[in-house]
Amino acid sequence: MSAPARTRATATPPAPAGIDLADPGFWRLPDRDRAAAFAELRRLDGPVRFTDRASGRSFLALVRHADVVAASRTPEVFVSGPGVTTPEPAGWVRALFGDSMVNLDDPHHADLRRIVSRAFTPRLISRVEDDIRRVAARVVDDVLERRPDDFVSAVAAELPYQVICNMMGIPERQRRQILALVNHASEHTGVARSRLRVPGRGLRALGRMQLVIAALGRERRRRPADDLISALVTADVDGRHLNSRELGAFFSLLLVAGVETTRNALAHGLHLLTVHPEQRALLLDDFEPRVGGAVEEIVRWSTPIVQFRRTVAADHDLHGTRLVQGEKVVLFFGAANRDEAVFADPESFDITRSPNPHLGFGGGGPHFCLGAYLARQEMKVLYRELFARLPEVRSVGEPVLIPSSFDHRVRSLRFTG
């Protein structure tokens, strides 16, 4: 019997001249130029295929809101297992450092998510909410005392990092060591590189950080404390808890999903509220009812995670485009968040936008961001503390961005209060 014929993919429209999402040079363009390019791609009849010149590997770019949502909510077809970053993490890196939850599919993903979700008890959540307020007050105290000029290092990075460390139970004496290792690893990422495929010294820094976390995990198994590490390594969810590699991979994920994304959103937010004074005035005129909407619009506009990759596990029709098993697709969340079919006047920054079904925390499905609630709380509390005690706080000049196809990173942002 002959083998069944392989399904042929639907022909895709050609990329407009001058637009190549596989070219690292594209990610060095100003934000406004990239936004214009994505708007042009959304107007085409379907997803465009791009090919990386170095590897010869191609991918389809999903830039419409409906396509990104459909792919996110059909995990049995659009799988994460081969890796969600571009390029995919090397097998030896995953074997050495363990698999991040973002690179897993069910049932393994569901098992880990169940352990992590069970660890977030009502008691822990209540304590974290109180802690956010204490850390935010301390951060603003420090700003008033020292008058630093970089908002990223002094405020936007400090708040989520200290909150995560407090939540995990990282001893004070080890926090600067871990932060230095994280920064060292991040220095070796950049345009079109994934955070896990960092060369040489970056990998060594990541390895040392995970050794520190593994040691803390072993200590908490012997002497549990009232913190998240203890909950994760002593959990009994169907006989399972996180082992040392899983704990290290989870902590690395927290530092990206729980620290870097919030840091970038906070920095973009201050700048947006500076260059849109009418929106700032609207927020400060009636802060409590409007801060929630302001946070959602900041996340929509800044979209801290630019894209995730999926692999097509079975032939599938996506809104008229025939995808074949083994194809790569890339979900561009920032492009989806400017989709004219969903957002009226999407290039306007409007804190009263309602509804605001942005995909800044993902497109739904099993990989929707676990830390969405935490990020929202951190942003609300920090802005409340900042504007109450420094009502004239503003950014100065443009944010200095780090070119990246993975996240919307802010290196520094000068500010004054």
Protein backbone atom coordinates (compact mmCIF):
# COMPACT_ATOMS: atom_id res chain seq x y z
CA MET A 1 0.00 0.00 0.00
CA SER A 2 1.38 3.42 -0.92
CA ALA A 3 1.92 6.07 1.73
CA PRO A 4 -0.75 8.79 1.96
CA ALA A 5 0.06 11.93 0.03
CA ARG A 6 1.36 14.79 2.13
CA THR A 7 -1.00 17.72 2.35
CA ARG A 8 0.25 20.77 0.50
CA ALA A 9 0.22 24.11 2.25
CA THR A 10 -1.77 26.97 0.84
CA ALA A 11 0.35 29.43 -1.10
CA THR A 12 1.06 32.47 0.99
CA PRO A 13 1.22 36.09 -0.18
CA PRO A 14 4.69 37.50 -0.81
CA ALA A 15 6.17 39.79 1.79
CA PRO A 16 5.95 43.47 0.87
CA ALA A 17 9.23 44.95 -0.31
CA GLY A 18 11.49 45.93 2.54
CA ILE A 19 9.77 43.83 5.22
CA ASP A 20 11.66 40.77 6.46
CA LEU A 21 10.85 39.60 9.98
CA ALA A 22 13.69 37.04 9.77
CA ASP A 23 16.27 39.78 9.23
CA PRO A 24 17.90 40.93 12.50
CA GLY A 25 18.02 44.41 10.96
CA PHE A 26 14.22 44.61 11.15
CA TRP A 27 14.39 44.48 14.96
CA ARG A 28 16.75 47.43 15.03
CA LEU A 29 14.16 49.67 13.38
CA PRO A 30 12.30 52.25 15.50
CA ASP A 31 9.04 51.03 17.05
CA ARG A 32 6.93 53.20 14.75
CA ASP A 33 8.53 51.69 11.63
CA ARG A 34 7.97 48.14 12.86
CA ALA A 35 4.34 48.99 13.70
CA ALA A 36 3.83 50.31 10.15
CA ALA A 37 5.33 47.12 8.71
CA PHE A 38 3.04 44.91 10.78
CA ALA A 39 0.03 47.02 9.71
CA GLU A 40 0.99 46.34 6.09
CA LEU A 41 1.26 42.61 6.79
CA ARG A 42 -2.19 42.54 8.41
CA ARG A 43 -3.71 43.95 5.24
CA LEU A 44 -2.58 40.96 3.16
CA ASP A 45 -4.78 37.95 2.37
CA GLY A 46 -3.07 35.63 4.85
CA PRO A 47 0.10 34.92 6.84
CA VAL A 48 3.41 35.62 5.11
CA ARG A 49 6.26 33.12 5.06
CA PHE A 50 9.73 34.33 6.01
CA THR A 51 12.99 32.40 5.77
CA ASP A 52 16.07 32.81 7.88
CA ARG A 53 19.02 33.16 5.52
CA ALA A 54 21.52 31.58 7.90
CA SER A 55 19.58 28.40 8.71
CA GLY A 56 17.28 28.18 5.68
CA ARG A 57 14.34 27.53 8.03
CA SER A 58 11.05 29.23 7.36
CA PHE A 59 8.07 30.28 9.46
CA LEU A 60 4.64 31.77 8.94
CA ALA A 61 4.05 35.07 10.71
CA LEU A 62 0.69 35.32 12.49
CA VAL A 63 0.04 39.04 12.90
CA ARG A 64 -3.76 39.21 13.17
CA HIS A 65 -5.53 39.09 16.51
CA ALA A 66 -7.89 36.28 15.40
CA ASP A 67 -5.02 34.10 14.14
CA VAL A 68 -2.93 34.52 17.29
CA VAL A 69 -5.93 33.72 19.50
CA ALA A 70 -6.85 30.66 17.41
CA ALA A 71 -3.31 29.28 17.54
CA SER A 72 -3.03 29.95 21.29
CA ARG A 73 -6.29 28.17 22.02
CA THR A 74 -5.64 25.10 19.85
CA PRO A 75 -2.64 23.65 21.71
CA GLU A 76 -3.16 20.16 20.33
CA VAL A 77 -2.32 21.53 16.86
CA PHE A 78 0.03 24.42 17.68
CA VAL A 79 2.50 22.76 20.03
CA SER A 80 5.22 24.35 22.14
CA GLY A 81 7.41 21.30 22.69
CA PRO A 82 10.15 21.94 20.12
CA GLY A 83 10.64 25.37 21.71
CA VAL A 84 8.80 28.69 21.65
CA THR A 85 11.77 31.01 21.18
CA THR A 86 13.44 31.90 17.91
CA PRO A 87 15.72 30.09 17.35
CA GLU A 88 14.52 27.07 19.30
CA PRO A 89 16.67 26.15 22.31
CA ALA A 90 19.30 23.53 21.57
CA GLY A 91 18.63 20.05 22.90
CA TRP A 92 21.77 20.01 25.01
CA VAL A 93 20.78 23.31 26.66
CA ARG A 94 17.38 21.89 27.57
CA ALA A 95 18.97 18.68 28.86
CA LEU A 96 21.42 20.64 30.99
CA PHE A 97 19.10 23.31 32.40
CA GLY A 98 15.73 21.61 32.26
CA ASP A 99 12.64 22.55 30.31
CA SER A 100 10.84 25.81 30.94
CA MET A 101 7.08 25.42 31.20
CA VAL A 102 6.69 27.56 28.09
CA ASN A 103 8.44 24.82 26.08
CA LEU A 104 6.19 21.99 27.28
CA ASP A 105 2.90 20.53 26.12
CA ASP A 106 0.30 18.49 27.99
CA PRO A 107 0.36 16.26 29.90
CA HIS A 108 3.79 17.36 31.26
CA HIS A 109 2.86 21.06 31.07
CA ALA A 110 -0.43 20.45 32.89
CA ASP A 111 1.35 18.46 35.62
CA LEU A 112 3.85 21.25 36.31
CA ARG A 113 1.23 23.98 36.11
CA ARG A 114 -0.94 22.07 38.59
CA ILE A 115 1.96 21.89 41.09
CA VAL A 116 2.74 25.59 40.67
CA SER A 117 -0.91 26.65 40.84
CA ARG A 118 -1.45 24.61 44.01
CA ALA A 119 1.51 26.39 45.63
CA PHE A 120 -0.16 29.79 45.16
CA THR A 121 -2.38 29.44 48.21
CA PRO A 122 -4.74 32.24 49.34
CA ARG A 123 -2.35 32.87 52.23
CA LEU A 124 0.61 33.29 49.88
CA ILE A 125 -1.34 35.58 47.53
CA SER A 126 -2.49 37.77 50.44
CA ARG A 127 1.06 38.03 51.73
CA VAL A 128 2.38 38.92 48.27
CA GLU A 129 -0.20 41.72 47.90
CA ASP A 130 0.93 43.22 51.22
CA ASP A 131 4.55 42.79 50.19
CA ILE A 132 4.04 44.65 46.89
CA ARG A 133 2.84 47.67 48.86
CA ARG A 134 5.83 47.53 51.22
CA VAL A 135 8.35 47.15 48.41
CA ALA A 136 6.75 49.93 46.34
CA ALA A 137 6.91 52.30 49.34
CA ARG A 138 10.56 51.38 49.93
CA VAL A 139 11.44 51.89 46.26
CA VAL A 140 9.88 55.36 46.23
CA ASP A 141 11.57 56.16 49.57
CA ASP A 142 14.87 55.37 47.89
CA VAL A 143 14.03 57.58 44.90
CA LEU A 144 13.24 60.49 47.18
CA GLU A 145 16.47 59.98 49.12
CA ARG A 146 18.94 59.27 46.31
CA ARG A 147 17.30 61.02 43.33
CA PRO A 148 18.56 58.51 40.75
CA ASP A 149 18.22 59.38 37.08
CA ASP A 150 17.53 55.94 35.55
CA PHE A 151 13.98 54.73 36.10
CA VAL A 152 14.70 51.18 34.92
CA SER A 153 17.41 50.27 37.43
CA ALA A 154 16.06 52.33 40.33
CA VAL A 155 12.34 51.57 40.06
CA ALA A 156 11.05 49.39 37.23
CA ALA A 157 13.53 46.54 37.75
CA GLU A 158 13.81 46.80 41.51
CA LEU A 159 10.12 46.38 42.39
CA PRO A 160 9.34 43.09 40.58
CA TYR A 161 12.73 41.57 41.41
CA GLN A 162 12.36 42.16 45.14
CA VAL A 163 8.74 40.95 45.09
CA ILE A 164 9.74 37.71 43.32
CA CYS A 165 12.67 37.18 45.71
CA ASN A 166 10.43 37.74 48.73
CA MET A 167 7.80 35.40 47.33
CA MET A 168 10.32 32.66 46.55
CA GLY A 169 12.16 33.10 49.86
CA ILE A 170 15.55 34.10 48.42
CA PRO A 171 17.80 35.21 51.32
CA GLU A 172 18.85 38.87 51.21
CA ARG A 173 22.53 37.91 51.16
CA GLN A 174 22.10 36.07 47.83
CA ARG A 175 19.91 38.52 45.95
CA ARG A 176 22.63 40.72 44.49
CA GLN A 177 24.61 37.64 43.46
CA ILE A 178 21.59 36.21 41.61
CA LEU A 179 20.77 39.57 40.04
CA ALA A 180 24.34 39.92 38.77
CA LEU A 181 24.14 36.44 37.22
CA VAL A 182 20.79 37.24 35.60
CA ASN A 183 22.13 40.50 34.16
CA HIS A 184 25.27 38.73 32.95
CA ALA A 185 23.22 36.11 31.12
CA SER A 186 20.91 38.77 29.64
CA GLU A 187 23.86 40.76 28.29
CA HIS A 188 24.56 37.88 25.90
CA THR A 189 21.10 37.94 24.36
CA GLY A 190 20.02 40.30 21.65
CA VAL A 191 18.54 40.54 18.21
CA ALA A 192 16.97 37.28 17.07
CA ARG A 193 18.46 35.31 19.98
CA SER A 194 16.48 33.34 22.50
CA ARG A 195 17.12 33.81 26.17
CA LEU A 196 18.19 30.20 26.58
CA ARG A 197 20.61 30.05 23.67
CA VAL A 198 23.16 32.40 25.10
CA PRO A 199 26.79 31.66 24.30
CA GLY A 200 29.75 31.04 26.58
CA ARG A 201 29.71 33.25 29.64
CA GLY A 202 25.94 33.77 29.45
CA LEU A 203 25.32 30.03 29.82
CA ARG A 204 27.80 29.79 32.66
CA ALA A 205 25.98 32.61 34.47
CA LEU A 206 22.65 30.84 33.96
CA GLY A 207 24.17 27.60 35.22
CA ARG A 208 25.56 29.22 38.37
CA MET A 209 22.21 30.85 39.08
CA GLN A 210 20.39 27.54 38.83
CA LEU A 211 22.95 25.90 41.14
CA VAL A 212 22.17 28.55 43.76
CA ILE A 213 18.43 27.90 43.41
CA ALA A 214 18.91 24.12 43.51
CA ALA A 215 20.86 24.44 46.76
CA LEU A 216 18.05 26.54 48.25
CA GLY A 217 15.56 23.89 47.15
CA ARG A 218 17.52 21.15 48.92
CA GLU A 219 17.71 23.27 52.06
CA ARG A 220 13.93 23.92 52.01
CA ARG A 221 13.20 20.21 51.64
CA ARG A 222 15.10 19.64 54.87
CA ARG A 223 13.78 22.75 56.63
CA PRO A 224 10.63 24.10 54.93
CA ALA A 225 9.80 27.77 55.39
CA ASP A 226 6.74 29.86 54.60
CA ASP A 227 7.73 30.65 51.01
CA LEU A 228 7.14 29.54 47.43
CA ILE A 229 10.32 27.46 47.10
CA SER A 230 9.26 25.38 50.10
CA ALA A 231 5.75 24.96 48.69
CA LEU A 232 7.10 23.84 45.31
CA VAL A 233 9.67 21.32 46.58
CA THR A 234 7.46 19.81 49.28
CA ALA A 235 4.19 19.77 47.35
CA ASP A 236 2.34 16.49 46.99
CA VAL A 237 0.22 16.82 43.89
CA ASP A 238 -0.52 13.27 42.80
CA GLY A 239 2.80 12.31 44.36
CA ARG A 240 4.74 15.02 42.53
CA HIS A 241 6.76 18.07 43.49
CA LEU A 242 9.36 20.09 41.59
CA ASN A 243 12.80 18.50 41.41
CA SER A 244 15.96 20.63 41.38
CA ARG A 245 16.10 21.08 37.61
CA GLU A 246 12.41 21.91 37.41
CA LEU A 247 12.79 24.41 40.24
CA GLY A 248 15.74 26.08 38.48
CA ALA A 249 13.84 26.26 35.18
CA PHE A 250 10.79 27.68 36.96
CA PHE A 251 12.85 30.36 38.69
CA SER A 252 14.47 31.31 35.36
CA LEU A 253 10.98 31.62 33.89
CA LEU A 254 9.88 33.81 36.80
CA LEU A 255 12.79 36.14 36.17
CA VAL A 256 11.66 36.63 32.57
CA ALA A 257 7.88 36.38 32.96
CA GLY A 258 7.71 37.91 36.41
CA VAL A 259 10.51 40.47 36.43
CA GLU A 260 11.69 41.53 32.99
CA THR A 261 8.24 41.84 31.44
CA THR A 262 6.91 43.90 34.35
CA ARG A 263 10.07 46.01 34.37
CA ASN A 264 9.63 46.82 30.69
CA ALA A 265 5.90 47.54 31.03
CA LEU A 266 6.53 49.89 33.96
CA ALA A 267 9.19 51.81 32.04
CA HIS A 268 7.14 52.04 28.85
CA GLY A 269 4.18 53.15 30.98
CA LEU A 270 5.96 56.09 32.58
CA HIS A 271 7.12 57.25 29.16
CA LEU A 272 3.65 56.86 27.63
CA LEU A 273 2.08 58.87 30.45
CA THR A 274 4.73 61.54 29.89
CA VAL A 275 4.35 61.92 26.13
CA HIS A 276 0.54 61.76 26.39
CA PRO A 277 -0.11 64.46 29.01
CA GLU A 278 -3.85 64.41 28.41
CA GLN A 279 -3.94 60.72 29.40
CA ARG A 280 -1.77 61.40 32.43
CA ALA A 281 -4.12 64.18 33.54
CA LEU A 282 -7.09 61.87 33.02
CA LEU A 283 -5.49 59.21 35.21
CA LEU A 284 -4.42 61.52 38.02
CA ASP A 285 -7.80 63.29 38.05
CA ASP A 286 -9.55 60.07 39.14
CA PHE A 287 -6.81 57.54 39.83
CA GLU A 288 -8.51 54.54 41.44
CA PRO A 289 -11.29 53.99 38.87
CA ARG A 290 -8.88 54.52 35.97
CA VAL A 291 -5.63 52.84 36.99
CA GLY A 292 -6.88 49.40 35.93
CA GLY A 293 -7.64 50.62 32.43
CA ALA A 294 -4.32 52.46 32.30
CA VAL A 295 -2.44 49.26 33.14
CA GLU A 296 -4.28 47.30 30.45
CA GLU A 297 -3.57 49.95 27.83
CA ILE A 298 0.10 50.17 28.81
CA VAL A 299 0.41 46.40 28.44
CA ARG A 300 -1.41 46.49 25.07
CA TRP A 301 0.74 49.30 23.77
CA SER A 302 4.09 48.03 25.01
CA THR A 303 3.45 44.26 24.66
CA PRO A 304 6.49 43.16 26.71
CA ILE A 305 6.77 39.75 24.96
CA VAL A 306 6.99 40.31 21.22
CA GLN A 307 6.51 36.76 19.95
CA PHE A 308 6.36 33.05 20.66
CA ARG A 309 6.85 30.21 18.21
CA ARG A 310 4.68 27.14 17.71
CA THR A 311 5.08 23.98 15.62
CA VAL A 312 2.12 22.59 13.66
CA ALA A 313 1.48 19.06 14.94
CA ALA A 314 -1.17 18.09 12.36
CA ASP A 315 -2.48 19.45 9.07
CA HIS A 316 -4.81 22.32 9.92
CA ASP A 317 -6.87 25.06 8.32
CA LEU A 318 -6.30 28.45 9.96
CA HIS A 319 -8.87 30.93 8.69
CA GLY A 320 -8.40 29.82 5.10
CA THR A 321 -4.66 29.10 5.19
CA ARG A 322 -3.75 25.41 4.98
CA LEU A 323 -0.93 24.54 7.37
CA VAL A 324 0.94 21.26 7.17
CA GLN A 325 2.42 19.13 9.90
CA GLY A 326 5.90 20.28 10.91
CA GLU A 327 5.52 23.89 9.80
CA LYS A 328 6.65 26.65 12.12
CA VAL A 329 4.41 29.58 12.94
CA VAL A 330 5.30 32.64 15.01
CA LEU A 331 2.67 34.44 17.07
CA PHE A 332 3.41 38.18 17.02
CA PHE A 333 1.51 39.50 20.03
CA GLY A 334 2.48 43.13 19.48
CA ALA A 335 1.12 43.07 15.94
CA ALA A 336 -2.12 41.46 17.15
CA ASN A 337 -2.47 44.20 19.76
CA ARG A 338 -2.61 46.82 17.00
CA ASP A 339 -5.14 44.93 14.84
CA GLU A 340 -7.60 47.43 13.35
CA ALA A 341 -10.26 44.71 13.17
CA VAL A 342 -10.32 44.55 16.99
CA PHE A 343 -9.08 47.89 18.32
CA ALA A 344 -10.55 51.20 17.23
CA ASP A 345 -7.74 53.63 16.39
CA PRO A 346 -5.12 51.13 17.60
CA GLU A 347 -2.21 53.57 17.32
CA SER A 348 -3.80 55.83 19.93
CA PHE A 349 -2.85 55.45 23.59
CA ASP A 350 -6.19 55.57 25.44
CA ILE A 351 -6.44 54.54 29.10
CA THR A 352 -10.24 54.50 28.85
CA ARG A 353 -10.22 51.95 26.01
CA SER A 354 -13.04 49.47 26.60
CA PRO A 355 -13.20 46.67 25.80
CA ASN A 356 -9.47 46.03 25.59
CA PRO A 357 -8.97 42.36 24.65
CA HIS A 358 -5.20 42.71 24.29
CA LEU A 359 -2.87 39.72 24.10
CA GLY A 360 -0.12 41.17 26.27
CA PHE A 361 -0.37 38.15 28.59
CA GLY A 362 -0.87 35.68 25.75
CA GLY A 363 -3.75 34.64 23.56
CA GLY A 364 -5.44 32.36 26.08
CA GLY A 365 -5.21 28.59 26.28
CA PRO A 366 -2.94 26.59 28.60
CA HIS A 367 0.02 28.96 28.23
CA PHE A 368 -1.80 32.11 29.35
CA CYS A 369 0.59 33.95 31.66
CA LEU A 370 0.54 32.58 35.22
CA GLY A 371 1.85 35.91 36.49
CA ALA A 372 -0.77 38.18 34.89
CA TYR A 373 -2.47 38.96 38.21
CA LEU A 374 0.87 39.66 39.92
CA ALA A 375 2.03 41.97 37.12
CA ARG A 376 -1.21 43.94 37.18
CA GLN A 377 -1.02 44.37 40.94
CA GLU A 378 2.62 45.48 40.83
CA MET A 379 1.90 48.07 38.17
CA LYS A 380 -1.16 49.48 39.94
CA VAL A 381 0.56 49.71 43.31
CA LEU A 382 3.79 51.19 41.96
CA TYR A 383 2.03 53.88 39.93
CA ARG A 384 -0.22 54.70 42.90
CA GLU A 385 2.79 55.14 45.19
CA LEU A 386 4.84 56.98 42.61
CA PHE A 387 2.25 59.55 41.52
CA ALA A 388 0.99 60.13 45.08
CA ARG A 389 4.44 60.98 46.40
CA LEU A 390 6.10 62.32 43.22
CA PRO A 391 3.21 63.94 41.32
CA GLU A 392 5.60 65.63 38.86
CA VAL A 393 7.49 62.43 37.97
CA ARG A 394 8.19 62.20 34.24
CA SER A 395 10.49 60.51 31.78
CA VAL A 396 13.20 62.61 30.14
CA GLY A 397 13.90 61.92 26.49
CA GLU A 398 13.25 58.63 24.72
CA PRO A 399 13.73 55.22 26.34
CA VAL A 400 16.91 53.42 25.28
CA LEU A 401 15.71 50.13 23.83
CA ILE A 402 17.66 46.89 23.36
CA PRO A 403 16.95 45.52 19.88
CA SER A 404 15.28 42.13 20.35
CA SER A 405 12.85 39.98 18.41
CA PHE A 406 11.77 38.31 21.67
CA ASP A 407 10.88 41.08 24.10
CA HIS A 408 10.27 44.83 24.09
CA ARG A 409 13.25 45.58 26.31
CA VAL A 410 14.11 48.96 27.81
CA ARG A 411 17.76 49.31 28.76
CA SER A 412 17.36 52.68 30.46
CA LEU A 413 14.94 55.58 30.83
CA ARG A 414 15.98 58.89 32.31
CA PHE A 415 13.41 60.44 34.63
CA THR A 416 12.87 63.33 36.97
CA GLY A 417 10.45 64.02 39.78
